């Protein structure tokens, strides 16, 4: 009887020890780059399926005008806070797919601030006007190996230009803002 009890206890402890709790990671740090920028980020767990992503980086912009033959490129700082709901973690676990490093599909509210601190540009006399963007976004995040990842997202939301009285801007301060990103990165 002792052998049966010992075997049964050992099996129960093994099952409990090997059970995977489906949850976002406690904290992840990493860097990502895409077509329009370079970013450092942290994702911190708020609940089992919600993480708060904070990000600082350089957002890029390009423009062109055929009439005046003017084109250019600029980099400006951007600060983002984005709560993400990873809604399919349990489904991925049931199918035997990885969820490590917050691998899954997500819905978020991306809130970005682009201050008028500095710009890096190939054009002279850039008049950059800061903005705040609030964009509901749907996206996916996948990992390649233990550290590399890729991410894609799309969303449409609201933007507000932060116009000072000294700025030469005569348009509407409110705008429709889009988020379309494709990034590759490294998680530490």
N, C-alpha and C. Protein backbone atom coordinates (compact mmCIF):
# COMPACT_ATOMS: atom_id res chain seq x y z
N UNK A 1 0.83 -1.20 0.00
CA UNK A 1 0.00 0.00 0.00
C UNK A 1 0.87 1.26 0.00
N UNK A 2 2.01 1.19 0.74
CA UNK A 2 2.89 2.34 0.78
C UNK A 2 3.44 2.65 -0.61
N UNK A 3 3.75 1.62 -1.39
CA UNK A 3 4.28 1.83 -2.74
C UNK A 3 3.25 2.49 -3.65
N UNK A 4 1.99 2.09 -3.53
CA UNK A 4 0.93 2.70 -4.34
C UNK A 4 0.72 4.17 -3.95
N UNK A 5 0.73 4.44 -2.66
CA UNK A 5 0.57 5.80 -2.18
C UNK A 5 1.74 6.68 -2.62
N UNK A 6 2.95 6.14 -2.53
CA UNK A 6 4.13 6.88 -2.97
C UNK A 6 4.07 7.16 -4.47
N UNK A 7 3.69 6.17 -5.27
CA UNK A 7 3.59 6.33 -6.72
C UNK A 7 2.52 7.35 -7.08
N UNK A 8 1.36 7.25 -6.44
CA UNK A 8 0.27 8.19 -6.69
C UNK A 8 0.70 9.62 -6.32
N UNK A 9 1.34 9.81 -5.18
CA UNK A 9 1.81 11.14 -4.76
C UNK A 9 2.84 11.69 -5.72
N UNK A 10 3.74 10.83 -6.17
CA UNK A 10 4.77 11.25 -7.12
C UNK A 10 4.13 11.71 -8.44
N UNK A 11 3.12 11.00 -8.92
CA UNK A 11 2.44 11.39 -10.16
C UNK A 11 1.73 12.72 -10.01
N UNK A 12 1.04 12.93 -8.92
CA UNK A 12 0.32 14.19 -8.68
C UNK A 12 1.30 15.35 -8.62
N UNK A 13 2.39 15.19 -7.89
CA UNK A 13 3.39 16.26 -7.78
C UNK A 13 4.01 16.55 -9.14
N UNK A 14 4.25 15.52 -9.95
CA UNK A 14 4.82 15.71 -11.29
C UNK A 14 3.85 16.48 -12.19
N UNK A 15 2.59 16.15 -12.12
CA UNK A 15 1.59 16.83 -12.94
C UNK A 15 1.50 18.30 -12.54
N UNK A 16 1.47 18.58 -11.26
CA UNK A 16 1.38 19.96 -10.78
C UNK A 16 2.63 20.73 -11.17
N UNK A 17 3.79 20.12 -11.04
CA UNK A 17 5.05 20.80 -11.36
C UNK A 17 5.16 21.10 -12.85
N UNK A 18 4.62 20.24 -13.69
CA UNK A 18 4.73 20.42 -15.14
C UNK A 18 3.58 21.22 -15.75
N UNK A 19 2.57 21.53 -14.95
CA UNK A 19 1.43 22.29 -15.48
C UNK A 19 1.90 23.69 -15.84
N UNK A 20 1.54 24.13 -17.04
CA UNK A 20 1.94 25.46 -17.48
C UNK A 20 0.82 26.45 -17.16
N UNK A 21 1.17 27.46 -16.41
CA UNK A 21 0.23 28.53 -16.15
C UNK A 21 0.25 29.45 -17.34
N UNK A 22 -0.87 29.62 -17.97
CA UNK A 22 -0.94 30.48 -19.14
C UNK A 22 -1.04 31.91 -18.68
N UNK A 23 0.04 32.66 -18.91
CA UNK A 23 0.10 34.03 -18.45
C UNK A 23 1.14 34.79 -19.26
N UNK A 24 0.98 36.10 -19.31
CA UNK A 24 2.03 36.92 -19.91
C UNK A 24 3.23 36.91 -18.96
N UNK A 25 4.39 37.23 -19.48
CA UNK A 25 5.61 37.25 -18.68
C UNK A 25 5.55 38.36 -17.64
N UNK A 26 6.26 38.17 -16.54
CA UNK A 26 6.28 39.16 -15.46
C UNK A 26 6.89 40.47 -15.95
N UNK A 27 8.01 40.39 -16.69
CA UNK A 27 8.65 41.59 -17.23
C UNK A 27 9.57 41.18 -18.37
N UNK A 28 9.49 41.88 -19.48
CA UNK A 28 10.33 41.62 -20.65
C UNK A 28 10.95 42.95 -21.09
N UNK A 29 12.24 42.92 -21.38
CA UNK A 29 12.93 44.07 -21.96
C UNK A 29 13.42 43.68 -23.34
N UNK A 30 13.47 44.64 -24.25
CA UNK A 30 13.98 44.34 -25.57
C UNK A 30 14.14 45.57 -26.42
N UNK A 31 14.62 45.35 -27.64
CA UNK A 31 14.74 46.39 -28.65
C UNK A 31 14.07 45.90 -29.92
N UNK A 32 13.55 46.83 -30.69
CA UNK A 32 12.91 46.50 -31.97
C UNK A 32 13.23 47.58 -32.98
N UNK A 33 13.24 47.17 -34.23
CA UNK A 33 13.39 48.12 -35.31
C UNK A 33 12.43 47.73 -36.43
N UNK A 34 12.06 48.73 -37.19
CA UNK A 34 11.19 48.52 -38.32
C UNK A 34 11.57 49.47 -39.42
N UNK A 35 10.71 49.60 -40.39
CA UNK A 35 10.98 50.49 -41.52
C UNK A 35 11.10 51.94 -41.06
N UNK A 36 10.32 52.32 -40.06
CA UNK A 36 10.30 53.72 -39.62
C UNK A 36 10.62 53.87 -38.14
N UNK A 37 11.78 53.38 -37.68
CA UNK A 37 12.17 53.69 -36.33
C UNK A 37 13.01 52.65 -35.63
N UNK A 38 13.44 53.02 -34.42
CA UNK A 38 14.23 52.17 -33.53
C UNK A 38 13.70 52.39 -32.12
N UNK A 39 13.44 51.31 -31.36
CA UNK A 39 12.74 51.41 -30.09
C UNK A 39 13.33 50.49 -29.03
N UNK A 40 13.31 50.95 -27.78
CA UNK A 40 13.57 50.12 -26.62
C UNK A 40 12.27 49.99 -25.85
N UNK A 41 11.96 48.79 -25.32
CA UNK A 41 10.66 48.60 -24.68
C UNK A 41 10.76 47.73 -23.44
N UNK A 42 9.71 47.81 -22.63
CA UNK A 42 9.48 46.93 -21.50
C UNK A 42 8.01 46.56 -21.49
N UNK A 43 7.73 45.28 -21.25
CA UNK A 43 6.35 44.83 -21.04
C UNK A 43 6.26 44.25 -19.64
N UNK A 44 5.35 44.80 -18.84
CA UNK A 44 5.16 44.39 -17.46
C UNK A 44 3.76 43.81 -17.29
N UNK A 45 3.68 42.66 -16.63
CA UNK A 45 2.40 41.99 -16.42
C UNK A 45 1.52 42.77 -15.46
N UNK A 46 0.26 42.98 -15.86
CA UNK A 46 -0.75 43.57 -14.98
C UNK A 46 -1.71 42.48 -14.49
N UNK A 47 -2.14 41.60 -15.41
CA UNK A 47 -2.94 40.43 -15.08
C UNK A 47 -2.37 39.26 -15.88
N UNK A 48 -3.02 38.10 -15.83
CA UNK A 48 -2.53 36.95 -16.59
C UNK A 48 -2.57 37.15 -18.10
N UNK A 49 -3.43 38.04 -18.59
CA UNK A 49 -3.51 38.23 -20.04
C UNK A 49 -3.27 39.69 -20.47
N UNK A 50 -2.99 40.59 -19.54
CA UNK A 50 -2.77 42.00 -19.88
C UNK A 50 -1.38 42.42 -19.44
N UNK A 51 -0.66 43.05 -20.38
CA UNK A 51 0.68 43.59 -20.10
C UNK A 51 0.68 45.07 -20.44
N UNK A 52 1.46 45.84 -19.71
CA UNK A 52 1.63 47.26 -20.01
C UNK A 52 2.97 47.42 -20.70
N UNK A 53 2.91 47.85 -21.94
CA UNK A 53 4.13 48.07 -22.73
C UNK A 53 4.49 49.55 -22.66
N UNK A 54 5.72 49.83 -22.25
CA UNK A 54 6.24 51.19 -22.29
C UNK A 54 7.42 51.18 -23.25
N UNK A 55 7.52 52.24 -24.02
CA UNK A 55 8.48 52.24 -25.13
C UNK A 55 9.04 53.65 -25.31
N UNK A 56 10.32 53.73 -25.61
CA UNK A 56 10.94 54.99 -25.98
C UNK A 56 11.79 54.71 -27.21
N UNK A 57 11.77 55.65 -28.14
CA UNK A 57 12.53 55.41 -29.35
C UNK A 57 12.55 56.60 -30.28
N UNK A 58 12.99 56.35 -31.48
CA UNK A 58 13.03 57.36 -32.53
C UNK A 58 12.09 56.94 -33.65
N UNK A 59 11.08 57.75 -33.90
CA UNK A 59 10.16 57.50 -35.01
C UNK A 59 10.67 58.25 -36.23
N UNK A 60 10.56 57.63 -37.37
CA UNK A 60 11.05 58.22 -38.62
C UNK A 60 9.88 58.72 -39.45
N UNK A 61 10.17 59.68 -40.27
CA UNK A 61 9.19 60.22 -41.20
C UNK A 61 9.86 60.54 -42.52
N UNK A 62 9.13 60.36 -43.60
CA UNK A 62 9.61 60.70 -44.93
C UNK A 62 8.54 61.52 -45.62
N UNK A 63 8.96 62.40 -46.53
CA UNK A 63 8.01 63.19 -47.30
C UNK A 63 8.61 63.49 -48.66
N UNK A 64 7.73 63.82 -49.57
CA UNK A 64 8.15 64.18 -50.91
C UNK A 64 7.12 65.05 -51.58
N UNK A 65 7.60 65.90 -52.52
CA UNK A 65 6.73 66.81 -53.23
C UNK A 65 7.27 66.94 -54.65
N UNK A 66 6.52 66.47 -55.62
CA UNK A 66 6.96 66.53 -57.02
C UNK A 66 6.94 67.94 -57.59
N UNK A 67 6.07 68.79 -57.09
CA UNK A 67 5.94 70.14 -57.64
C UNK A 67 7.19 70.97 -57.35
N UNK A 68 7.64 70.96 -56.08
CA UNK A 68 8.81 71.74 -55.70
C UNK A 68 10.09 70.92 -55.69
N UNK A 69 9.99 69.64 -56.01
CA UNK A 69 11.14 68.73 -55.99
C UNK A 69 11.81 68.73 -54.61
N UNK A 70 10.96 68.67 -53.56
CA UNK A 70 11.45 68.67 -52.19
C UNK A 70 11.13 67.30 -51.59
N UNK A 71 12.13 66.68 -51.00
CA UNK A 71 11.89 65.45 -50.26
C UNK A 71 12.81 65.43 -49.05
N UNK A 72 12.48 64.58 -48.09
CA UNK A 72 13.29 64.57 -46.89
C UNK A 72 13.01 63.39 -45.99
N UNK A 73 13.79 63.32 -44.91
CA UNK A 73 13.75 62.25 -43.94
C UNK A 73 14.03 62.86 -42.57
N UNK A 74 13.32 62.41 -41.54
CA UNK A 74 13.60 62.91 -40.19
C UNK A 74 13.40 61.81 -39.16
N UNK A 75 14.08 61.96 -38.03
CA UNK A 75 13.89 61.12 -36.85
C UNK A 75 13.53 62.04 -35.70
N UNK A 76 12.54 61.65 -34.93
CA UNK A 76 12.11 62.44 -33.78
C UNK A 76 11.81 61.49 -32.62
N UNK A 77 12.01 61.92 -31.38
CA UNK A 77 11.75 61.03 -30.25
C UNK A 77 10.26 60.73 -30.09
N UNK A 78 9.99 59.53 -29.58
CA UNK A 78 8.61 59.13 -29.30
C UNK A 78 8.55 58.33 -28.01
N UNK A 79 7.52 58.59 -27.22
CA UNK A 79 7.29 57.89 -25.96
C UNK A 79 5.91 57.26 -26.05
N UNK A 80 5.82 55.96 -25.77
CA UNK A 80 4.56 55.25 -25.92
C UNK A 80 4.24 54.45 -24.65
N UNK A 81 2.98 54.48 -24.26
CA UNK A 81 2.44 53.62 -23.21
C UNK A 81 1.27 52.88 -23.84
N UNK A 82 1.28 51.54 -23.70
CA UNK A 82 0.30 50.75 -24.45
C UNK A 82 -0.14 49.53 -23.63
N UNK A 83 -1.34 49.56 -23.04
CA UNK A 83 -1.84 48.33 -22.42
C UNK A 83 -2.24 47.34 -23.52
N UNK A 84 -1.76 46.10 -23.39
CA UNK A 84 -2.04 45.05 -24.38
C UNK A 84 -2.76 43.88 -23.74
N UNK A 85 -3.83 43.47 -24.39
CA UNK A 85 -4.57 42.28 -23.95
C UNK A 85 -4.21 41.15 -24.92
N UNK A 86 -3.45 40.18 -24.45
CA UNK A 86 -3.10 38.99 -25.24
C UNK A 86 -4.24 37.99 -25.08
N UNK A 87 -5.14 37.98 -26.06
CA UNK A 87 -6.41 37.29 -25.91
C UNK A 87 -6.39 35.81 -26.27
N UNK A 88 -5.33 35.29 -26.86
CA UNK A 88 -5.37 33.89 -27.28
C UNK A 88 -4.28 33.03 -26.64
N UNK A 89 -3.81 33.40 -25.47
CA UNK A 89 -2.74 32.62 -24.83
C UNK A 89 -3.20 31.21 -24.44
N UNK A 90 -4.39 31.09 -23.87
CA UNK A 90 -4.89 29.76 -23.48
C UNK A 90 -5.11 28.87 -24.70
N UNK A 91 -5.63 29.42 -25.77
CA UNK A 91 -5.84 28.66 -27.00
C UNK A 91 -4.50 28.18 -27.57
N UNK A 92 -3.48 29.04 -27.54
CA UNK A 92 -2.16 28.64 -28.03
C UNK A 92 -1.58 27.52 -27.16
N UNK A 93 -1.77 27.61 -25.84
CA UNK A 93 -1.26 26.58 -24.94
C UNK A 93 -1.94 25.25 -25.20
N UNK A 94 -3.27 25.26 -25.38
CA UNK A 94 -4.01 24.03 -25.65
C UNK A 94 -3.57 23.36 -26.94
N UNK A 95 -3.17 24.17 -27.92
CA UNK A 95 -2.70 23.62 -29.20
C UNK A 95 -1.22 23.25 -29.18
N UNK A 96 -0.56 23.46 -28.03
CA UNK A 96 0.85 23.12 -27.90
C UNK A 96 1.79 24.15 -28.50
N UNK A 97 1.31 25.35 -28.70
CA UNK A 97 2.15 26.41 -29.27
C UNK A 97 2.77 27.23 -28.15
N UNK A 98 3.87 27.90 -28.46
CA UNK A 98 4.60 28.68 -27.47
C UNK A 98 3.85 29.96 -27.11
N UNK A 99 3.96 30.32 -25.83
CA UNK A 99 3.45 31.61 -25.35
C UNK A 99 4.54 32.39 -24.62
N UNK A 100 5.75 31.84 -24.60
CA UNK A 100 6.86 32.50 -23.90
C UNK A 100 7.14 33.86 -24.54
N UNK A 101 7.60 34.79 -23.72
CA UNK A 101 7.91 36.16 -24.16
C UNK A 101 6.71 36.84 -24.81
N UNK A 102 5.53 36.54 -24.30
CA UNK A 102 4.27 37.16 -24.75
C UNK A 102 4.02 36.93 -26.24
N UNK A 103 4.20 35.69 -26.66
CA UNK A 103 3.91 35.31 -28.04
C UNK A 103 2.41 35.07 -28.15
N UNK A 104 1.74 35.87 -28.98
CA UNK A 104 0.31 35.71 -29.17
C UNK A 104 -0.28 36.89 -29.92
N UNK A 105 -1.59 36.86 -30.07
CA UNK A 105 -2.32 37.97 -30.69
C UNK A 105 -2.75 38.93 -29.60
N UNK A 106 -2.82 40.22 -29.94
CA UNK A 106 -3.18 41.20 -28.93
C UNK A 106 -4.06 42.30 -29.50
N UNK A 107 -4.79 42.93 -28.59
CA UNK A 107 -5.54 44.15 -28.86
C UNK A 107 -5.02 45.17 -27.85
N UNK A 108 -4.77 46.40 -28.32
CA UNK A 108 -4.18 47.40 -27.44
C UNK A 108 -4.74 48.79 -27.72
N UNK A 109 -4.41 49.69 -26.82
CA UNK A 109 -4.68 51.12 -27.03
C UNK A 109 -3.32 51.81 -26.97
N UNK A 110 -2.76 52.06 -28.13
CA UNK A 110 -1.43 52.67 -28.22
C UNK A 110 -1.56 54.17 -28.03
N UNK A 111 -0.89 54.69 -27.00
CA UNK A 111 -0.90 56.11 -26.69
C UNK A 111 0.52 56.62 -26.81
N UNK A 112 0.76 57.49 -27.79
CA UNK A 112 2.11 57.97 -28.09
C UNK A 112 2.20 59.48 -27.97
N UNK A 113 3.36 59.94 -27.55
CA UNK A 113 3.66 61.37 -27.44
C UNK A 113 4.95 61.63 -28.20
N UNK A 114 4.90 62.54 -29.14
CA UNK A 114 6.07 62.96 -29.91
C UNK A 114 6.38 64.41 -29.55
N UNK A 115 7.32 64.62 -28.62
CA UNK A 115 7.63 65.99 -28.20
C UNK A 115 8.50 66.70 -29.24
N UNK A 116 8.49 67.99 -29.17
CA UNK A 116 9.32 68.81 -30.06
C UNK A 116 10.65 69.12 -29.38
N UNK A 117 11.37 68.07 -28.97
CA UNK A 117 12.65 68.25 -28.30
C UNK A 117 13.78 68.46 -29.29
N UNK A 118 13.85 67.58 -30.28
CA UNK A 118 14.87 67.67 -31.31
C UNK A 118 14.44 66.83 -32.50
N UNK A 119 15.02 67.09 -33.65
CA UNK A 119 14.83 66.27 -34.83
C UNK A 119 16.18 66.05 -35.48
N UNK A 120 16.32 64.89 -36.07
CA UNK A 120 17.49 64.56 -36.88
C UNK A 120 16.97 64.45 -38.30
N UNK A 121 17.50 65.28 -39.19
CA UNK A 121 16.94 65.34 -40.54
C UNK A 121 18.01 65.68 -41.57
N UNK A 122 17.72 65.33 -42.83
CA UNK A 122 18.61 65.71 -43.94
C UNK A 122 18.18 67.04 -44.56
N UNK A 123 17.10 67.62 -44.06
CA UNK A 123 16.62 68.91 -44.57
C UNK A 123 16.91 70.00 -43.54
N UNK A 124 17.08 71.20 -44.02
CA UNK A 124 17.33 72.35 -43.14
C UNK A 124 16.02 72.98 -42.69
N UNK A 125 16.04 73.59 -41.55
CA UNK A 125 14.93 74.39 -41.03
C UNK A 125 13.62 73.61 -40.94
N UNK A 126 13.67 72.47 -40.26
CA UNK A 126 12.47 71.66 -40.04
C UNK A 126 11.64 72.28 -38.93
N UNK A 127 10.35 72.45 -39.18
CA UNK A 127 9.41 72.93 -38.17
C UNK A 127 8.55 71.75 -37.73
N UNK A 128 9.08 70.94 -36.79
CA UNK A 128 8.35 69.78 -36.31
C UNK A 128 7.37 70.22 -35.23
N UNK A 129 6.15 69.75 -35.34
CA UNK A 129 5.11 70.07 -34.36
C UNK A 129 4.79 68.77 -33.61
N UNK A 130 4.91 68.81 -32.28
CA UNK A 130 4.65 67.63 -31.47
C UNK A 130 3.19 67.19 -31.56
N UNK A 131 2.95 65.93 -31.14
CA UNK A 131 1.58 65.42 -31.18
C UNK A 131 1.37 64.36 -30.12
N UNK A 132 0.10 64.06 -29.91
CA UNK A 132 -0.34 62.95 -29.07
C UNK A 132 -1.26 62.08 -29.92
N UNK A 133 -1.03 60.76 -29.90
CA UNK A 133 -1.83 59.83 -30.69
C UNK A 133 -2.45 58.79 -29.77
N UNK A 134 -3.72 58.48 -29.99
CA UNK A 134 -4.42 57.41 -29.27
C UNK A 134 -5.03 56.51 -30.33
N UNK A 135 -4.47 55.29 -30.45
CA UNK A 135 -4.84 54.42 -31.56
C UNK A 135 -5.17 53.01 -31.06
N UNK A 136 -6.43 52.58 -31.12
CA UNK A 136 -6.74 51.17 -30.88
C UNK A 136 -6.07 50.33 -31.96
N UNK A 137 -5.38 49.26 -31.54
CA UNK A 137 -4.55 48.48 -32.46
C UNK A 137 -4.80 46.99 -32.26
N UNK A 138 -4.78 46.26 -33.36
CA UNK A 138 -4.77 44.79 -33.33
C UNK A 138 -3.43 44.35 -33.86
N UNK A 139 -2.83 43.33 -33.23
CA UNK A 139 -1.52 42.89 -33.70
C UNK A 139 -1.20 41.46 -33.30
N UNK A 140 -0.06 41.01 -33.83
CA UNK A 140 0.48 39.69 -33.49
C UNK A 140 1.94 39.85 -33.11
N UNK A 141 2.38 38.96 -32.23
CA UNK A 141 3.78 38.92 -31.82
C UNK A 141 4.21 37.45 -31.83
N UNK A 142 5.30 37.16 -32.51
CA UNK A 142 5.83 35.80 -32.58
C UNK A 142 7.32 35.82 -32.29
N UNK A 143 7.81 34.70 -31.77
CA UNK A 143 9.23 34.57 -31.46
C UNK A 143 9.89 33.55 -32.37
N UNK A 144 11.12 33.83 -32.70
CA UNK A 144 11.97 32.93 -33.47
C UNK A 144 13.11 32.55 -32.53
N UNK A 145 13.13 31.33 -32.05
CA UNK A 145 14.13 30.95 -31.07
C UNK A 145 13.78 31.52 -29.70
N UNK A 146 14.80 31.71 -28.88
CA UNK A 146 14.56 32.19 -27.52
C UNK A 146 14.52 33.71 -27.40
N UNK A 147 15.19 34.43 -28.30
CA UNK A 147 15.33 35.86 -28.10
C UNK A 147 14.79 36.74 -29.23
N UNK A 148 14.80 36.27 -30.45
CA UNK A 148 14.37 37.10 -31.58
C UNK A 148 12.86 37.05 -31.73
N UNK A 149 12.27 38.18 -32.17
CA UNK A 149 10.82 38.25 -32.34
C UNK A 149 10.48 39.11 -33.53
N UNK A 150 9.26 38.96 -34.00
CA UNK A 150 8.70 39.88 -34.98
C UNK A 150 7.29 40.22 -34.57
N UNK A 151 6.86 41.39 -35.01
CA UNK A 151 5.57 41.92 -34.56
C UNK A 151 4.95 42.71 -35.70
N UNK A 152 3.65 42.59 -35.84
CA UNK A 152 2.91 43.37 -36.84
C UNK A 152 1.64 43.89 -36.18
N UNK A 153 1.23 45.09 -36.55
CA UNK A 153 0.03 45.67 -35.98
C UNK A 153 -0.61 46.68 -36.91
N UNK A 154 -1.92 46.85 -36.75
CA UNK A 154 -2.66 47.82 -37.55
C UNK A 154 -3.75 48.44 -36.69
N UNK A 155 -3.94 49.74 -36.88
CA UNK A 155 -4.97 50.43 -36.12
C UNK A 155 -5.26 51.81 -36.67
N UNK A 156 -6.38 52.35 -36.27
CA UNK A 156 -6.82 53.67 -36.70
C UNK A 156 -7.39 54.39 -35.48
N UNK A 157 -6.98 55.65 -35.28
CA UNK A 157 -7.42 56.35 -34.09
C UNK A 157 -7.37 57.86 -34.22
N UNK A 158 -7.07 58.52 -33.12
CA UNK A 158 -7.14 59.97 -33.01
C UNK A 158 -5.76 60.56 -32.77
N UNK A 159 -5.49 61.71 -33.41
CA UNK A 159 -4.26 62.44 -33.20
C UNK A 159 -4.55 63.90 -32.92
N UNK A 160 -3.70 64.50 -32.11
CA UNK A 160 -3.85 65.93 -31.76
C UNK A 160 -2.48 66.59 -31.86
N UNK A 161 -2.37 67.59 -32.74
CA UNK A 161 -1.14 68.36 -32.86
C UNK A 161 -1.04 69.35 -31.71
N UNK A 162 0.14 69.45 -31.12
CA UNK A 162 0.37 70.34 -30.00
C UNK A 162 1.01 71.63 -30.53
N UNK A 163 0.17 72.49 -31.07
CA UNK A 163 0.61 73.69 -31.74
C UNK A 163 0.84 74.81 -30.72
N UNK A 164 2.03 75.42 -30.80
CA UNK A 164 2.34 76.60 -29.98
C UNK A 164 1.97 77.85 -30.76
N UNK A 165 1.90 78.98 -30.09
CA UNK A 165 1.56 80.23 -30.78
C UNK A 165 2.65 80.65 -31.77
N UNK A 166 3.88 80.15 -31.60
CA UNK A 166 4.98 80.51 -32.50
C UNK A 166 5.08 79.59 -33.71
N UNK A 167 4.32 78.49 -33.75
CA UNK A 167 4.40 77.54 -34.86
C UNK A 167 3.68 78.08 -36.09
N UNK A 168 4.22 77.77 -37.25
CA UNK A 168 3.59 78.14 -38.52
C UNK A 168 2.75 76.96 -38.98
N UNK A 169 1.58 76.82 -38.37
CA UNK A 169 0.68 75.73 -38.70
C UNK A 169 -0.74 76.30 -38.74
N UNK A 170 -1.40 76.13 -39.86
CA UNK A 170 -2.73 76.72 -40.03
C UNK A 170 -3.82 75.67 -40.26
N UNK A 171 -3.47 74.39 -40.15
CA UNK A 171 -4.45 73.34 -40.36
C UNK A 171 -5.23 73.02 -39.10
N UNK A 172 -6.01 71.96 -39.18
CA UNK A 172 -6.80 71.50 -38.05
C UNK A 172 -5.88 70.82 -37.04
N UNK A 173 -6.08 71.07 -35.76
CA UNK A 173 -5.25 70.46 -34.72
C UNK A 173 -5.61 69.00 -34.48
N UNK A 174 -6.81 68.59 -34.86
CA UNK A 174 -7.26 67.21 -34.70
C UNK A 174 -7.06 66.47 -36.01
N UNK A 175 -6.68 65.19 -35.91
CA UNK A 175 -6.42 64.43 -37.13
C UNK A 175 -6.74 62.95 -36.91
N UNK A 176 -6.95 62.25 -38.00
CA UNK A 176 -7.07 60.79 -37.97
C UNK A 176 -5.64 60.25 -37.98
N UNK A 177 -5.35 59.33 -37.07
CA UNK A 177 -4.01 58.77 -36.95
C UNK A 177 -4.05 57.28 -37.27
N UNK A 178 -3.03 56.80 -37.96
CA UNK A 178 -2.94 55.39 -38.33
C UNK A 178 -1.70 54.77 -37.69
N UNK A 179 -1.82 53.52 -37.34
CA UNK A 179 -0.69 52.74 -36.84
C UNK A 179 -0.57 51.51 -37.72
N UNK A 180 0.49 51.43 -38.47
CA UNK A 180 0.79 50.27 -39.30
C UNK A 180 2.25 49.96 -39.06
N UNK A 181 2.52 48.89 -38.33
CA UNK A 181 3.92 48.61 -38.04
C UNK A 181 4.27 47.15 -38.29
N UNK A 182 5.50 46.95 -38.71
CA UNK A 182 6.11 45.65 -38.90
C UNK A 182 7.52 45.78 -38.36
N UNK A 183 7.81 45.04 -37.29
CA UNK A 183 9.07 45.19 -36.59
C UNK A 183 9.73 43.84 -36.33
N UNK A 184 11.05 43.87 -36.25
CA UNK A 184 11.81 42.72 -35.78
C UNK A 184 12.58 43.17 -34.55
N UNK A 185 12.87 42.25 -33.63
CA UNK A 185 13.52 42.67 -32.41
C UNK A 185 14.23 41.57 -31.68
N UNK A 186 14.78 41.93 -30.54
CA UNK A 186 15.51 41.04 -29.66
C UNK A 186 15.04 41.25 -28.23
N UNK A 187 14.64 40.18 -27.55
CA UNK A 187 14.21 40.23 -26.14
C UNK A 187 15.36 39.76 -25.25
N UNK A 188 15.61 40.50 -24.18
CA UNK A 188 16.70 40.16 -23.26
C UNK A 188 16.22 39.19 -22.21
